[in-house]
Amino acid sequence: MIMGSKNKYKNEGLPKRRLGETIFLAVFFVVFIVQSLTLLYPIFWTLQNSLKTPFEYWNSTFKMPEAFLISNYGKAFTEVVVRGATFPTLAFNTVWMAVLNTFVSIGCSAIAAYPMAKYKFPGKPVIYSIAILIQVLPVIGTGPAAFQFMYRSGIANNPGLIWLAWASGFDFSFIVLYGYFKSISWSYAEAAIIDGASNFKVMYKIMFPQAVPAIASLMILNFIGAWNNYATPMFYMKGYPNLALAIFLFDKESQFAATGTPVFLSSIIISMLPILLIFVFFQRMIMTNVTAGGLKG
């Protein structure tokens, strides 16, 4: 009897969904399933066509391959040439530019966001307003000025100076880190200052370690964006083509046409695989930590 009473109260405490809510959730679920399929299908289509012969590909792009030619992936490494660079060179350029871009960009954003979030100084509201304004300005509108600056200053096509183009500090990462630093208690810094720590020591020994989750998540997102960036090697690093540029230049300046479309699709799968694995393994960390930041004035 007592047990029955407990179950009765327990069931009464559960919120009951109305019919409208159930229908809405069902429709919402179906829409997300359809959207997921539209995102997964291009990957599946690319994968299956990368395993075909050129004749099979041109005969039908929707049928499954007959022979499953894994050799197309080997050809991608040996036969793909873009602007005189082979696939290993394209991959090397992709890696070093993505890594350099990530460390410089996120490092500058963290260094800019921390004092903006934790210190008061003259002109702070103006600087913060400029940082927000930069986010809403269309990038394409600043293209001609940036192009002229890059070539006249000698940064373009110079691996030793190209990092200056990524050292802005006022980007999406700045906004997220500003909100993250804003939420960290200043009590830790006060305790360190009492013990004689300088402002710089407080920054890199107290504050930055607490922001590691957000910084790591932003580095992953930035790395993905830099990996897929074809604009920089196309306009400013013409002597250092990467995988994204090679895919963009398909049937234009590359040798993909000579090797066949299936080999081209194989190269897409190879270039996409590292980024796909990074996102699969770190998606929860990215969603959890990046959403912790925000616009906090």
C-alpha atoms as a PDB file:
ATOM      1  CA  MET A   1       0.000   0.000   0.000  1.00  0.00           C
ATOM      2  CA  ILE A   2       2.808   2.367   0.932  1.00  0.00           C
ATOM      3  CA  MET A   3       4.675   1.388  -2.195  1.00  0.00           C
ATOM      4  CA  GLY A   4       1.631   2.083  -4.313  1.00  0.00           C
ATOM      5  CA  SER A   5       1.254   5.522  -2.735  1.00  0.00           C
ATOM      6  CA  LYS A   6       4.877   6.369  -3.513  1.00  0.00           C
ATOM      7  CA  ASN A   7       4.468   5.353  -7.161  1.00  0.00           C
ATOM      8  CA  LYS A   8       1.261   7.350  -7.333  1.00  0.00           C
ATOM      9  CA  TYR A   9       2.947  10.518  -6.077  1.00  0.00           C
ATOM     10  CA  LYS A  10       5.955   9.856  -8.284  1.00  0.00           C
ATOM     11  CA  ASN A  11       3.823   9.564 -11.407  1.00  0.00           C
ATOM     12  CA  GLU A  12       1.825  12.643 -10.449  1.00  0.00           C
ATOM     13  CA  GLY A  13       5.056  14.610 -10.176  1.00  0.00           C
ATOM     14  CA  LEU A  14       6.098  13.833 -13.748  1.00  0.00           C
ATOM     15  CA  PRO A  15       5.234  16.575 -16.259  1.00  0.00           C
ATOM     16  CA  LYS A  16       2.740  15.431 -18.863  1.00  0.00           C
ATOM     17  CA  ARG A  17       3.358  16.406 -22.448  1.00  0.00           C
ATOM     18  CA  ARG A  18       0.469  17.886 -24.310  1.00  0.00           C
ATOM     19  CA  LEU A  19      -0.437  16.613 -27.759  1.00  0.00           C
ATOM     20  CA  GLY A  20       0.847  19.796 -29.401  1.00  0.00           C
ATOM     21  CA  GLU A  21       4.257  19.449 -27.752  1.00  0.00           C
ATOM     22  CA  THR A  22       4.518  15.804 -28.804  1.00  0.00           C
ATOM     23  CA  ILE A  23       3.699  16.658 -32.410  1.00  0.00           C
ATOM     24  CA  PHE A  24       6.182  19.545 -32.393  1.00  0.00           C
ATOM     25  CA  LEU A  25       8.982  17.348 -31.039  1.00  0.00           C
ATOM     26  CA  ALA A  26       8.201  14.640 -33.591  1.00  0.00           C
ATOM     27  CA  VAL A  27       8.314  17.131 -36.476  1.00  0.00           C
ATOM     28  CA  PHE A  28      11.490  18.650 -35.044  1.00  0.00           C
ATOM     29  CA  PHE A  29      13.087  15.200 -34.879  1.00  0.00           C
ATOM     30  CA  VAL A  30      12.114  14.371 -38.479  1.00  0.00           C
ATOM     31  CA  VAL A  31      13.487  17.696 -39.750  1.00  0.00           C
ATOM     32  CA  PHE A  32      16.825  17.066 -38.020  1.00  0.00           C
ATOM     33  CA  ILE A  33      17.005  13.535 -39.434  1.00  0.00           C
ATOM     34  CA  VAL A  34      16.411  14.883 -42.947  1.00  0.00           C
ATOM     35  CA  GLN A  35      18.994  17.620 -42.450  1.00  0.00           C
ATOM     36  CA  SER A  36      21.529  15.079 -41.166  1.00  0.00           C
ATOM     37  CA  LEU A  37      20.975  12.923 -44.247  1.00  0.00           C
ATOM     38  CA  THR A  38      21.495  15.909 -46.554  1.00  0.00           C
ATOM     39  CA  LEU A  39      24.855  16.522 -44.832  1.00  0.00           C
ATOM     40  CA  LEU A  40      25.953  12.874 -44.814  1.00  0.00           C
ATOM     41  CA  TYR A  41      24.889  12.014 -48.352  1.00  0.00           C
ATOM     42  CA  PRO A  42      27.535  14.186 -50.122  1.00  0.00           C
ATOM     43  CA  ILE A  43      30.226  12.430 -48.069  1.00  0.00           C
ATOM     44  CA  PHE A  44      28.832   9.018 -48.958  1.00  0.00           C
ATOM     45  CA  TRP A  45      28.520  10.011 -52.643  1.00  0.00           C
ATOM     46  CA  THR A  46      32.122  11.225 -52.720  1.00  0.00           C
ATOM     47  CA  LEU A  47      33.382   8.083 -50.998  1.00  0.00           C
ATOM     48  CA  GLN A  48      31.641   5.633 -53.315  1.00  0.00           C
ATOM     49  CA  ASN A  49      32.666   7.489 -56.471  1.00  0.00           C
ATOM     50  CA  SER A  50      36.269   7.711 -55.297  1.00  0.00           C
ATOM     51  CA  LEU A  51      36.424   3.902 -55.582  1.00  0.00           C
ATOM     52  CA  LYS A  52      35.315   3.736 -59.237  1.00  0.00           C
ATOM     53  CA  THR A  53      37.067   3.708 -62.575  1.00  0.00           C
ATOM     54  CA  PRO A  54      36.627   6.852 -64.705  1.00  0.00           C
ATOM     55  CA  PHE A  55      34.334   4.859 -67.028  1.00  0.00           C
ATOM     56  CA  GLU A  56      32.123   3.761 -64.102  1.00  0.00           C
ATOM     57  CA  TYR A  57      31.976   7.305 -62.811  1.00  0.00           C
ATOM     58  CA  TRP A  58      30.876   8.833 -66.110  1.00  0.00           C
ATOM     59  CA  ASN A  59      28.476   5.966 -66.771  1.00  0.00           C
ATOM     60  CA  SER A  60      26.600   6.484 -63.474  1.00  0.00           C
ATOM     61  CA  THR A  61      27.503   8.446 -60.355  1.00  0.00           C
ATOM     62  CA  PHE A  62      24.766   6.838 -58.265  1.00  0.00           C
ATOM     63  CA  LYS A  63      25.581   3.140 -58.657  1.00  0.00           C
ATOM     64  CA  MET A  64      27.883   1.383 -56.224  1.00  0.00           C
ATOM     65  CA  PRO A  65      31.392   0.689 -57.570  1.00  0.00           C
ATOM     66  CA  GLU A  66      32.008  -2.737 -59.081  1.00  0.00           C
ATOM     67  CA  ALA A  67      35.678  -3.178 -58.220  1.00  0.00           C
ATOM     68  CA  PHE A  68      36.233  -0.778 -55.245  1.00  0.00           C
ATOM     69  CA  LEU A  69      39.520   0.642 -56.526  1.00  0.00           C
ATOM     70  CA  ILE A  70      41.538   1.458 -53.410  1.00  0.00           C
ATOM     71  CA  SER A  71      44.386   2.216 -55.803  1.00  0.00           C
ATOM     72  CA  ASN A  72      42.766   5.592 -56.526  1.00  0.00           C
ATOM     73  CA  TYR A  73      43.973   6.736 -53.107  1.00  0.00           C
ATOM     74  CA  GLY A  74      47.521   5.723 -53.961  1.00  0.00           C
ATOM     75  CA  LYS A  75      47.262   7.642 -57.226  1.00  0.00           C
ATOM     76  CA  ALA A  76      46.142  10.723 -55.305  1.00  0.00           C
ATOM     77  CA  PHE A  77      49.512  10.735 -53.503  1.00  0.00           C
ATOM     78  CA  THR A  78      51.615  10.169 -56.618  1.00  0.00           C
ATOM     79  CA  GLU A  79      49.756  11.688 -59.580  1.00  0.00           C
ATOM     80  CA  VAL A  80      48.026  14.786 -58.240  1.00  0.00           C
ATOM     81  CA  VAL A  81      50.020  17.930 -59.079  1.00  0.00           C
ATOM     82  CA  VAL A  82      48.862  21.511 -58.442  1.00  0.00           C
ATOM     83  CA  ARG A  83      51.072  24.468 -59.385  1.00  0.00           C
ATOM     84  CA  GLY A  84      54.028  22.100 -59.511  1.00  0.00           C
ATOM     85  CA  ALA A  85      53.365  20.716 -56.006  1.00  0.00           C
ATOM     86  CA  THR A  86      52.635  17.020 -55.425  1.00  0.00           C
ATOM     87  CA  PHE A  87      50.097  15.750 -52.889  1.00  0.00           C
ATOM     88  CA  PRO A  88      52.633  15.354 -50.018  1.00  0.00           C
ATOM     89  CA  THR A  89      53.768  18.944 -50.551  1.00  0.00           C
ATOM     90  CA  LEU A  90      50.157  20.136 -50.605  1.00  0.00           C
ATOM     91  CA  ALA A  91      49.520  18.282 -47.340  1.00  0.00           C
ATOM     92  CA  PHE A  92      52.674  19.720 -45.743  1.00  0.00           C
ATOM     93  CA  ASN A  93      51.675  23.270 -46.720  1.00  0.00           C
ATOM     94  CA  THR A  94      48.208  22.649 -45.317  1.00  0.00           C
ATOM     95  CA  VAL A  95      49.559  21.454 -41.972  1.00  0.00           C
ATOM     96  CA  TRP A  96      52.137  24.156 -41.346  1.00  0.00           C
ATOM     97  CA  MET A  97      49.826  26.994 -42.378  1.00  0.00           C
ATOM     98  CA  ALA A  98      46.942  25.627 -40.284  1.00  0.00           C
ATOM     99  CA  VAL A  99      49.131  25.130 -37.195  1.00  0.00           C
ATOM    100  CA  LEU A 100      50.788  28.561 -37.504  1.00  0.00           C
ATOM    101  CA  ASN A 101      47.451  30.249 -38.161  1.00  0.00           C
ATOM    102  CA  THR A 102      45.892  28.571 -35.122  1.00  0.00           C
ATOM    103  CA  PHE A 103      48.602  29.408 -32.595  1.00  0.00           C
ATOM    104  CA  VAL A 104      49.073  32.993 -33.776  1.00  0.00           C
ATOM    105  CA  SER A 105      45.370  33.779 -34.108  1.00  0.00           C
ATOM    106  CA  ILE A 106      44.222  32.258 -30.804  1.00  0.00           C
ATOM    107  CA  GLY A 107      47.296  33.535 -28.949  1.00  0.00           C
ATOM    108  CA  CYS A 108      46.680  37.124 -30.060  1.00  0.00           C
ATOM    109  CA  SER A 109      42.964  36.851 -29.289  1.00  0.00           C
ATOM    110  CA  ALA A 110      43.686  35.583 -25.758  1.00  0.00           C
ATOM    111  CA  ILE A 111      46.250  38.325 -25.105  1.00  0.00           C
ATOM    112  CA  ALA A 112      43.777  40.968 -26.324  1.00  0.00           C
ATOM    113  CA  ALA A 113      40.707  39.544 -24.547  1.00  0.00           C
ATOM    114  CA  TYR A 114      42.244  39.140 -21.090  1.00  0.00           C
ATOM    115  CA  PRO A 115      43.068  42.809 -20.284  1.00  0.00           C
ATOM    116  CA  MET A 116      39.790  43.912 -21.907  1.00  0.00           C
ATOM    117  CA  ALA A 117      37.860  41.617 -19.568  1.00  0.00           C
ATOM    118  CA  LYS A 118      39.790  42.167 -16.342  1.00  0.00           C
ATOM    119  CA  TYR A 119      41.235  45.700 -16.322  1.00  0.00           C
ATOM    120  CA  LYS A 120      39.871  49.213 -16.559  1.00  0.00           C
ATOM    121  CA  PHE A 121      41.807  51.702 -18.661  1.00  0.00           C
ATOM    122  CA  PRO A 122      41.085  54.801 -20.784  1.00  0.00           C
ATOM    123  CA  GLY A 123      39.577  54.000 -24.171  1.00  0.00           C
ATOM    124  CA  LYS A 124      38.436  50.511 -23.225  1.00  0.00           C
ATOM    125  CA  PRO A 125      34.793  51.016 -24.392  1.00  0.00           C
ATOM    126  CA  VAL A 126      36.023  52.416 -27.710  1.00  0.00           C
ATOM    127  CA  ILE A 127      38.384  49.493 -28.315  1.00  0.00           C
ATOM    128  CA  TYR A 128      35.674  46.987 -27.398  1.00  0.00           C
ATOM    129  CA  SER A 129      33.228  48.709 -29.749  1.00  0.00           C
ATOM    130  CA  ILE A 130      35.786  48.541 -32.560  1.00  0.00           C
ATOM    131  CA  ALA A 131      36.272  44.821 -31.880  1.00  0.00           C
ATOM    132  CA  ILE A 132      32.523  44.240 -32.187  1.00  0.00           C
ATOM    133  CA  LEU A 133      32.295  46.438 -35.288  1.00  0.00           C
ATOM    134  CA  ILE A 134      35.021  44.421 -37.016  1.00  0.00           C
ATOM    135  CA  GLN A 135      32.859  41.316 -36.613  1.00  0.00           C
ATOM    136  CA  VAL A 136      29.915  42.829 -38.500  1.00  0.00           C
ATOM    137  CA  LEU A 137      31.859  44.444 -41.349  1.00  0.00           C
ATOM    138  CA  PRO A 138      31.751  42.379 -44.564  1.00  0.00           C
ATOM    139  CA  VAL A 139      35.161  40.813 -45.164  1.00  0.00           C
ATOM    140  CA  ILE A 140      34.865  41.161 -48.931  1.00  0.00           C
ATOM    141  CA  GLY A 141      34.705  44.944 -48.555  1.00  0.00           C
ATOM    142  CA  THR A 142      38.205  45.069 -47.064  1.00  0.00           C
ATOM    143  CA  GLY A 143      39.684  42.698 -49.664  1.00  0.00           C
ATOM    144  CA  PRO A 144      41.279  45.265 -52.029  1.00  0.00           C
ATOM    145  CA  ALA A 145      42.919  47.174 -49.171  1.00  0.00           C
ATOM    146  CA  ALA A 146      44.210  43.968 -47.600  1.00  0.00           C
ATOM    147  CA  PHE A 147      45.560  42.790 -50.960  1.00  0.00           C
ATOM    148  CA  GLN A 148      47.483  46.006 -51.517  1.00  0.00           C
ATOM    149  CA  PHE A 149      48.862  45.980 -47.963  1.00  0.00           C
ATOM    150  CA  MET A 150      50.008  42.350 -48.127  1.00  0.00           C
ATOM    151  CA  TYR A 151      52.024  42.828 -51.316  1.00  0.00           C
ATOM    152  CA  ARG A 152      53.419  46.281 -50.596  1.00  0.00           C
ATOM    153  CA  SER A 153      54.597  45.256 -47.125  1.00  0.00           C
ATOM    154  CA  GLY A 154      56.280  42.079 -48.399  1.00  0.00           C
ATOM    155  CA  ILE A 155      54.114  39.737 -46.334  1.00  0.00           C
ATOM    156  CA  ALA A 156      52.622  38.000 -49.361  1.00  0.00           C
ATOM    157  CA  ASN A 157      54.343  34.771 -50.443  1.00  0.00           C
ATOM    158  CA  ASN A 158      56.685  35.015 -47.464  1.00  0.00           C
ATOM    159  CA  PRO A 159      56.456  32.089 -44.985  1.00  0.00           C
ATOM    160  CA  GLY A 160      58.447  34.053 -42.410  1.00  0.00           C
ATOM    161  CA  LEU A 161      56.010  36.983 -42.348  1.00  0.00           C
ATOM    162  CA  ILE A 162      52.627  35.525 -43.291  1.00  0.00           C
ATOM    163  CA  TRP A 163      51.819  35.012 -39.600  1.00  0.00           C
ATOM    164  CA  LEU A 164      51.390  38.791 -39.306  1.00  0.00           C
ATOM    165  CA  ALA A 165      48.221  38.479 -41.379  1.00  0.00           C
ATOM    166  CA  TRP A 166      46.705  36.251 -38.677  1.00  0.00           C
ATOM    167  CA  ALA A 167      47.803  38.323 -35.668  1.00  0.00           C
ATOM    168  CA  SER A 168      44.730  40.543 -35.525  1.00  0.00           C
ATOM    169  CA  GLY A 169      43.424  39.627 -32.059  1.00  0.00           C
ATOM    170  CA  PHE A 170      39.943  41.026 -32.727  1.00  0.00           C
ATOM    171  CA  ASP A 171      37.993  38.115 -34.140  1.00  0.00           C
ATOM    172  CA  PHE A 172      35.353  35.587 -33.083  1.00  0.00           C
ATOM    173  CA  SER A 173      37.812  34.016 -30.636  1.00  0.00           C
ATOM    174  CA  PHE A 174      38.280  37.388 -28.951  1.00  0.00           C
ATOM    175  CA  ILE A 175      34.540  37.649 -28.292  1.00  0.00           C
ATOM    176  CA  VAL A 176      34.341  34.157 -26.801  1.00  0.00           C
ATOM    177  CA  LEU A 177      37.469  34.550 -24.660  1.00  0.00           C
ATOM    178  CA  TYR A 178      36.357  37.969 -23.458  1.00  0.00           C
ATOM    179  CA  GLY A 179      33.192  36.409 -22.070  1.00  0.00           C
ATOM    180  CA  TYR A 180      35.119  33.476 -20.626  1.00  0.00           C
ATOM    181  CA  PHE A 181      37.681  35.651 -18.833  1.00  0.00           C
ATOM    182  CA  LYS A 182      34.855  37.865 -17.602  1.00  0.00           C
ATOM    183  CA  SER A 183      33.294  34.886 -15.832  1.00  0.00           C
ATOM    184  CA  ILE A 184      36.507  33.877 -13.997  1.00  0.00           C
ATOM    185  CA  SER A 185      36.648  35.125 -10.427  1.00  0.00           C
ATOM    186  CA  TRP A 186      39.266  37.789  -9.709  1.00  0.00           C
ATOM    187  CA  SER A 187      39.851  36.317  -6.231  1.00  0.00           C
ATOM    188  CA  TYR A 188      42.528  34.004  -7.638  1.00  0.00           C
ATOM    189  CA  ALA A 189      44.426  36.976  -9.037  1.00  0.00           C
ATOM    190  CA  GLU A 190      44.092  38.962  -5.798  1.00  0.00           C
ATOM    191  CA  ALA A 191      45.633  36.102  -3.826  1.00  0.00           C
ATOM    192  CA  ALA A 192      48.534  35.895  -6.268  1.00  0.00           C
ATOM    193  CA  ILE A 193      49.073  39.671  -6.228  1.00  0.00           C
ATOM    194  CA  ILE A 194      49.236  39.624  -2.418  1.00  0.00           C
ATOM    195  CA  ASP A 195      51.988  37.011  -2.722  1.00  0.00           C
ATOM    196  CA  GLY A 196      53.924  39.370  -5.007  1.00  0.00           C
ATOM    197  CA  ALA A 197      52.918  38.141  -8.469  1.00  0.00           C
ATOM    198  CA  SER A 198      53.102  40.659 -11.296  1.00  0.00           C
ATOM    199  CA  ASN A 199      50.225  41.307 -13.698  1.00  0.00           C
ATOM    200  CA  PHE A 200      51.973  39.278 -16.384  1.00  0.00           C
ATOM    201  CA  LYS A 201      52.491  36.352 -14.016  1.00  0.00           C
ATOM    202  CA  VAL A 202      48.835  36.490 -12.978  1.00  0.00           C
ATOM    203  CA  MET A 203      47.861  36.328 -16.646  1.00  0.00           C
ATOM    204  CA  TYR A 204      49.882  33.306 -17.728  1.00  0.00           C
ATOM    205  CA  LYS A 205      49.960  31.379 -14.424  1.00  0.00           C
ATOM    206  CA  ILE A 206      46.506  32.075 -12.968  1.00  0.00           C
ATOM    207  CA  MET A 207      44.065  33.195 -15.641  1.00  0.00           C
ATOM    208  CA  PHE A 208      45.218  31.442 -18.802  1.00  0.00           C
ATOM    209  CA  PRO A 209      45.285  27.954 -17.183  1.00  0.00           C
ATOM    210  CA  GLN A 210      41.659  28.425 -16.113  1.00  0.00           C
ATOM    211  CA  ALA A 211      40.719  29.354 -19.679  1.00  0.00           C
ATOM    212  CA  VAL A 212      42.416  26.289 -21.209  1.00  0.00           C
ATOM    213  CA  PRO A 213      39.105  24.532 -22.046  1.00  0.00           C
ATOM    214  CA  ALA A 214      37.854  27.517 -24.052  1.00  0.00           C
ATOM    215  CA  ILE A 215      41.246  28.142 -25.655  1.00  0.00           C
ATOM    216  CA  ALA A 216      41.585  24.475 -26.663  1.00  0.00           C
ATOM    217  CA  SER A 217      38.088  24.438 -28.184  1.00  0.00           C
ATOM    218  CA  LEU A 218      38.753  27.615 -30.142  1.00  0.00           C
ATOM    219  CA  MET A 219      42.072  26.237 -31.370  1.00  0.00           C
ATOM    220  CA  ILE A 220      40.274  23.185 -32.758  1.00  0.00           C
ATOM    221  CA  LEU A 221      37.681  25.350 -34.522  1.00  0.00           C
ATOM    222  CA  ASN A 222      40.371  27.670 -35.869  1.00  0.00           C
ATOM    223  CA  PHE A 223      42.448  24.722 -37.073  1.00  0.00           C
ATOM    224  CA  ILE A 224      39.473  23.336 -38.984  1.00  0.00           C
ATOM    225  CA  GLY A 225      38.868  26.712 -40.618  1.00  0.00           C
ATOM    226  CA  ALA A 226      42.551  27.164 -41.471  1.00  0.00           C
ATOM    227  CA  TRP A 227      42.746  23.636 -42.900  1.00  0.00           C
ATOM    228  CA  ASN A 228      39.902  24.446 -45.310  1.00  0.00           C
ATOM    229  CA  ASN A 229      41.203  27.912 -46.169  1.00  0.00           C
ATOM    230  CA  TYR A 230      42.023  28.210 -49.867  1.00  0.00           C
ATOM    231  CA  ALA A 231      41.883  32.025 -50.073  1.00  0.00           C
ATOM    232  CA  THR A 232      45.251  32.647 -48.395  1.00  0.00           C
ATOM    233  CA  PRO A 233      47.312  30.366 -50.680  1.00  0.00           C
ATOM    234  CA  MET A 234      45.333  31.526 -53.703  1.00  0.00           C
ATOM    235  CA  PHE A 235      45.909  35.263 -53.171  1.00  0.00           C
ATOM    236  CA  TYR A 236      48.818  35.695 -50.758  1.00  0.00           C
ATOM    237  CA  MET A 237      50.832  32.440 -50.774  1.00  0.00           C
ATOM    238  CA  LYS A 238      50.820  31.491 -54.449  1.00  0.00           C
ATOM    239  CA  GLY A 239      54.066  29.581 -54.118  1.00  0.00           C
ATOM    240  CA  TYR A 240      52.680  27.409 -51.315  1.00  0.00           C
ATOM    241  CA  PRO A 241      49.438  25.750 -52.509  1.00  0.00           C
ATOM    242  CA  ASN A 242      47.518  23.613 -50.027  1.00  0.00           C
ATOM    243  CA  LEU A 243      44.902  20.855 -50.276  1.00  0.00           C
ATOM    244  CA  ALA A 244      41.945  23.235 -50.123  1.00  0.00           C
ATOM    245  CA  LEU A 245      43.340  25.256 -53.029  1.00  0.00           C
ATOM    246  CA  ALA A 246      44.007  22.073 -55.002  1.00  0.00           C
ATOM    247  CA  ILE A 247      40.374  21.062 -54.647  1.00  0.00           C
ATOM    248  CA  PHE A 248      39.224  24.569 -55.559  1.00  0.00           C
ATOM    249  CA  LEU A 249      41.360  24.564 -58.699  1.00  0.00           C
ATOM    250  CA  PHE A 250      39.989  21.272 -59.997  1.00  0.00           C
ATOM    251  CA  ASP A 251      39.779  21.399 -63.812  1.00  0.00           C
ATOM    252  CA  LYS A 252      41.427  24.836 -63.825  1.00  0.00           C
ATOM    253  CA  GLU A 253      45.141  24.845 -63.042  1.00  0.00           C
ATOM    254  CA  SER A 254      45.596  21.336 -61.636  1.00  0.00           C
ATOM    255  CA  GLN A 255      46.476  17.950 -63.099  1.00  0.00           C
ATOM    256  CA  PHE A 256      43.357  16.325 -61.634  1.00  0.00           C
ATOM    257  CA  ALA A 257      41.728  16.147 -65.059  1.00  0.00           C
ATOM    258  CA  ALA A 258      44.569  13.928 -66.327  1.00  0.00           C
ATOM    259  CA  THR A 259      44.225  11.506 -63.414  1.00  0.00           C
ATOM    260  CA  GLY A 260      40.437  11.283 -63.537  1.00  0.00           C
ATOM    261  CA  THR A 261      37.604  12.495 -61.355  1.00  0.00           C
ATOM    262  CA  PRO A 262      37.650   9.421 -59.028  1.00  0.00           C
ATOM    263  CA  VAL A 263      41.240  10.271 -58.069  1.00  0.00           C
ATOM    264  CA  PHE A 264      40.165  13.835 -57.429  1.00  0.00           C
ATOM    265  CA  LEU A 265      37.375  12.554 -55.166  1.00  0.00           C
ATOM    266  CA  SER A 266      39.896  10.328 -53.387  1.00  0.00           C
ATOM    267  CA  SER A 267      42.003  13.375 -52.603  1.00  0.00           C
ATOM    268  CA  ILE A 268      38.915  15.076 -51.157  1.00  0.00           C
ATOM    269  CA  ILE A 269      38.311  12.138 -48.801  1.00  0.00           C
ATOM    270  CA  ILE A 270      41.972  12.120 -47.731  1.00  0.00           C
ATOM    271  CA  SER A 271      42.004  15.864 -47.043  1.00  0.00           C
ATOM    272  CA  MET A 272      38.678  15.704 -45.221  1.00  0.00           C
ATOM    273  CA  LEU A 273      39.493  12.721 -42.988  1.00  0.00           C
ATOM    274  CA  PRO A 274      41.751  14.493 -40.413  1.00  0.00           C
ATOM    275  CA  ILE A 275      39.215  17.272 -39.878  1.00  0.00           C
ATOM    276  CA  LEU A 276      36.334  14.822 -39.644  1.00  0.00           C
ATOM    277  CA  LEU A 277      38.146  12.779 -36.995  1.00  0.00           C
ATOM    278  CA  ILE A 278      39.059  15.897 -35.005  1.00  0.00           C
ATOM    279  CA  PHE A 279      35.452  17.044 -34.947  1.00  0.00           C
ATOM    280  CA  VAL A 280      34.093  13.588 -34.038  1.00  0.00           C
ATOM    281  CA  PHE A 281      36.443  13.224 -31.061  1.00  0.00           C
ATOM    282  CA  PHE A 282      36.219  16.796 -29.779  1.00  0.00           C
ATOM    283  CA  GLN A 283      32.672  17.893 -30.655  1.00  0.00           C
ATOM    284  CA  ARG A 284      31.429  17.703 -27.058  1.00  0.00           C
ATOM    285  CA  MET A 285      34.343  19.777 -25.770  1.00  0.00           C
ATOM    286  CA  ILE A 286      33.804  22.342 -28.531  1.00  0.00           C
ATOM    287  CA  MET A 287      30.068  22.748 -27.884  1.00  0.00           C
ATOM    288  CA  THR A 288      30.478  22.852 -24.095  1.00  0.00           C
ATOM    289  CA  ASN A 289      33.331  25.343 -23.824  1.00  0.00           C
ATOM    290  CA  VAL A 290      32.683  27.698 -26.733  1.00  0.00           C
ATOM    291  CA  THR A 291      29.110  28.324 -25.597  1.00  0.00           C
ATOM    292  CA  ALA A 292      30.452  29.251 -22.149  1.00  0.00           C
ATOM    293  CA  GLY A 293      31.739  32.523 -23.609  1.00  0.00           C
ATOM    294  CA  GLY A 294      29.643  35.271 -25.148  1.00  0.00           C
ATOM    295  CA  LEU A 295      28.982  38.957 -25.348  1.00  0.00           C
ATOM    296  CA  LYS A 296      29.357  40.283 -21.837  1.00  0.00           C
ATOM    297  CA  GLY A 297      29.900  43.983 -21.752  1.00  0.00           C
END
